[in-house]
Amino acid sequence: MSLRDLWDELQVPAGREQTAAGRAGTAISHAVIGAALAWPILAAGLSSWAAVAAITVAYWALKEAGDIRRGGSPADSTIDTLFVALGVATAGQGWAPLVWVVLGGADGAWGRRLR
């Protein structure tokens, strides 16, 4: 798989057809993305809540709004964006990965009803 293939795949909104494990993995990966995006902003001295707001809005505008335009579910985009916000809000906390896995698992188990 090339980087172009990965980029093309990221442009396709996930649908309700994902398995429970796929939904859980997607949720957890969105939290990891949020945490990764938070590091430079937090290191620059921005408050954690300002980082949550800035990254969440930017992520939704740059990624999820495009997914909705391409036929994705607004509910799916909202859930993905909330997991990014969770990652930003918990970046650097030793317990954060446990929270991501538990909530990602819950999304895997019950998220299909919401998407």
Protein backbone atom coordinates (compact mmCIF):
# COMPACT_ATOMS: atom_id res chain seq x y z
CA MET A 1 0.00 0.00 0.00
CA SER A 2 1.35 3.42 -0.94
CA LEU A 3 0.77 6.70 0.86
CA ARG A 4 -1.53 7.66 -2.01
CA ASP A 5 -3.61 4.52 -1.41
CA LEU A 6 -3.85 5.37 2.28
CA TRP A 7 -4.86 8.96 1.51
CA ASP A 8 -7.52 7.76 -0.96
CA GLU A 9 -8.91 5.34 1.63
CA LEU A 10 -9.10 8.10 4.25
CA GLN A 11 -11.30 10.07 1.86
CA VAL A 12 -14.01 7.38 1.95
CA PRO A 13 -16.44 7.81 4.85
CA ALA A 14 -16.86 4.74 7.06
CA GLY A 15 -20.32 3.32 6.94
CA ARG A 16 -22.66 1.28 9.07
CA GLU A 17 -21.25 -1.86 7.48
CA GLN A 18 -18.17 -1.75 9.72
CA THR A 19 -17.83 -4.62 12.15
CA ALA A 20 -17.83 -4.00 15.90
CA ALA A 21 -14.06 -4.43 15.96
CA GLY A 22 -13.73 -2.01 13.05
CA ARG A 23 -15.84 0.61 14.84
CA ALA A 24 -13.80 0.16 18.04
CA GLY A 25 -10.53 0.47 16.13
CA THR A 26 -11.76 3.54 14.29
CA ALA A 27 -12.84 5.20 17.54
CA ILE A 28 -9.54 4.48 19.26
CA SER A 29 -7.56 5.70 16.24
CA HIS A 30 -9.48 8.99 16.30
CA ALA A 31 -8.52 9.47 19.96
CA VAL A 32 -4.88 8.78 19.07
CA ILE A 33 -5.07 11.32 16.24
CA GLY A 34 -6.46 13.90 18.67
CA ALA A 35 -3.67 13.25 21.17
CA ALA A 36 -1.03 13.49 18.44
CA LEU A 37 -2.46 16.78 17.18
CA ALA A 38 -2.55 18.15 20.74
CA TRP A 39 1.16 17.81 21.48
CA PRO A 40 2.50 20.73 19.42
CA ILE A 41 -0.32 23.03 20.48
CA LEU A 42 0.02 22.18 24.16
CA ALA A 43 3.81 22.47 23.92
CA ALA A 44 3.35 25.99 22.53
CA GLY A 45 1.57 26.92 25.76
CA LEU A 46 -2.08 27.00 24.66
CA SER A 47 -4.46 25.93 27.41
CA SER A 48 -5.82 22.40 27.16
CA TRP A 49 -9.42 23.56 26.68
CA ALA A 50 -8.37 26.02 23.98
CA ALA A 51 -6.52 23.15 22.29
CA VAL A 52 -9.63 20.95 22.50
CA ALA A 53 -11.74 23.68 20.92
CA ALA A 54 -9.24 24.62 18.20
CA ILE A 55 -8.36 21.07 17.15
CA THR A 56 -11.93 19.80 17.31
CA VAL A 57 -13.26 22.58 15.09
CA ALA A 58 -10.34 22.32 12.66
CA TYR A 59 -10.60 18.52 12.46
CA TRP A 60 -14.33 18.62 11.79
CA ALA A 61 -13.97 21.34 9.15
CA LEU A 62 -11.04 19.69 7.36
CA LYS A 63 -12.05 16.01 7.53
CA GLU A 64 -15.55 15.25 8.71
CA ALA A 65 -17.39 18.00 6.82
CA GLY A 66 -15.85 16.54 3.67
CA ASP A 67 -17.03 13.06 4.64
CA ILE A 68 -20.58 14.39 5.00
CA ARG A 69 -20.35 16.05 1.56
CA ARG A 70 -19.19 12.69 0.14
CA GLY A 71 -22.26 10.92 1.55
CA GLY A 72 -21.08 10.03 5.05
CA SER A 73 -23.37 10.02 8.03
CA PRO A 74 -23.51 13.18 10.16
CA ALA A 75 -23.82 10.95 13.24
CA ASP A 76 -20.66 9.04 12.27
CA SER A 77 -18.80 12.30 11.73
CA THR A 78 -19.97 13.57 15.11
CA ILE A 79 -18.79 10.42 16.88
CA ASP A 80 -15.41 10.55 15.10
CA THR A 81 -14.99 14.22 16.05
CA LEU A 82 -15.90 13.51 19.69
CA PHE A 83 -13.19 10.84 19.84
CA VAL A 84 -10.66 13.32 18.42
CA ALA A 85 -11.73 15.79 21.14
CA LEU A 86 -11.35 13.03 23.75
CA GLY A 87 -7.80 12.41 22.54
CA VAL A 88 -6.93 16.09 22.74
CA ALA A 89 -8.48 16.46 26.20
CA THR A 90 -6.61 13.47 27.60
CA ALA A 91 -3.27 13.90 25.79
CA GLY A 92 -0.33 13.09 28.00
CA GLN A 93 -2.34 11.37 30.73
CA GLY A 94 -1.03 7.94 31.61
CA TRP A 95 -4.55 6.56 32.00
CA ALA A 96 -5.80 7.97 28.66
CA PRO A 97 -5.23 4.83 26.53
CA LEU A 98 -7.38 2.80 28.94
CA VAL A 99 -10.21 5.31 28.56
CA TRP A 100 -9.82 5.26 24.77
CA VAL A 101 -9.99 1.46 24.68
CA VAL A 102 -13.02 1.26 27.00
CA LEU A 103 -14.97 3.96 25.17
CA GLY A 104 -13.82 2.66 21.78
CA GLY A 105 -15.05 -0.79 22.79
CA ALA A 106 -18.38 0.68 23.83
CA ASP A 107 -18.63 2.39 20.45
CA GLY A 108 -17.79 -0.92 18.79
CA ALA A 109 -20.49 -2.71 20.75
CA TRP A 110 -23.27 -0.15 20.53
CA GLY A 111 -22.15 2.47 18.02
CA ARG A 112 -23.92 0.94 15.03
CA ARG A 113 -27.25 2.06 16.44
CA LEU A 114 -25.99 5.65 16.52
CA ARG A 115 -24.38 5.79 13.10
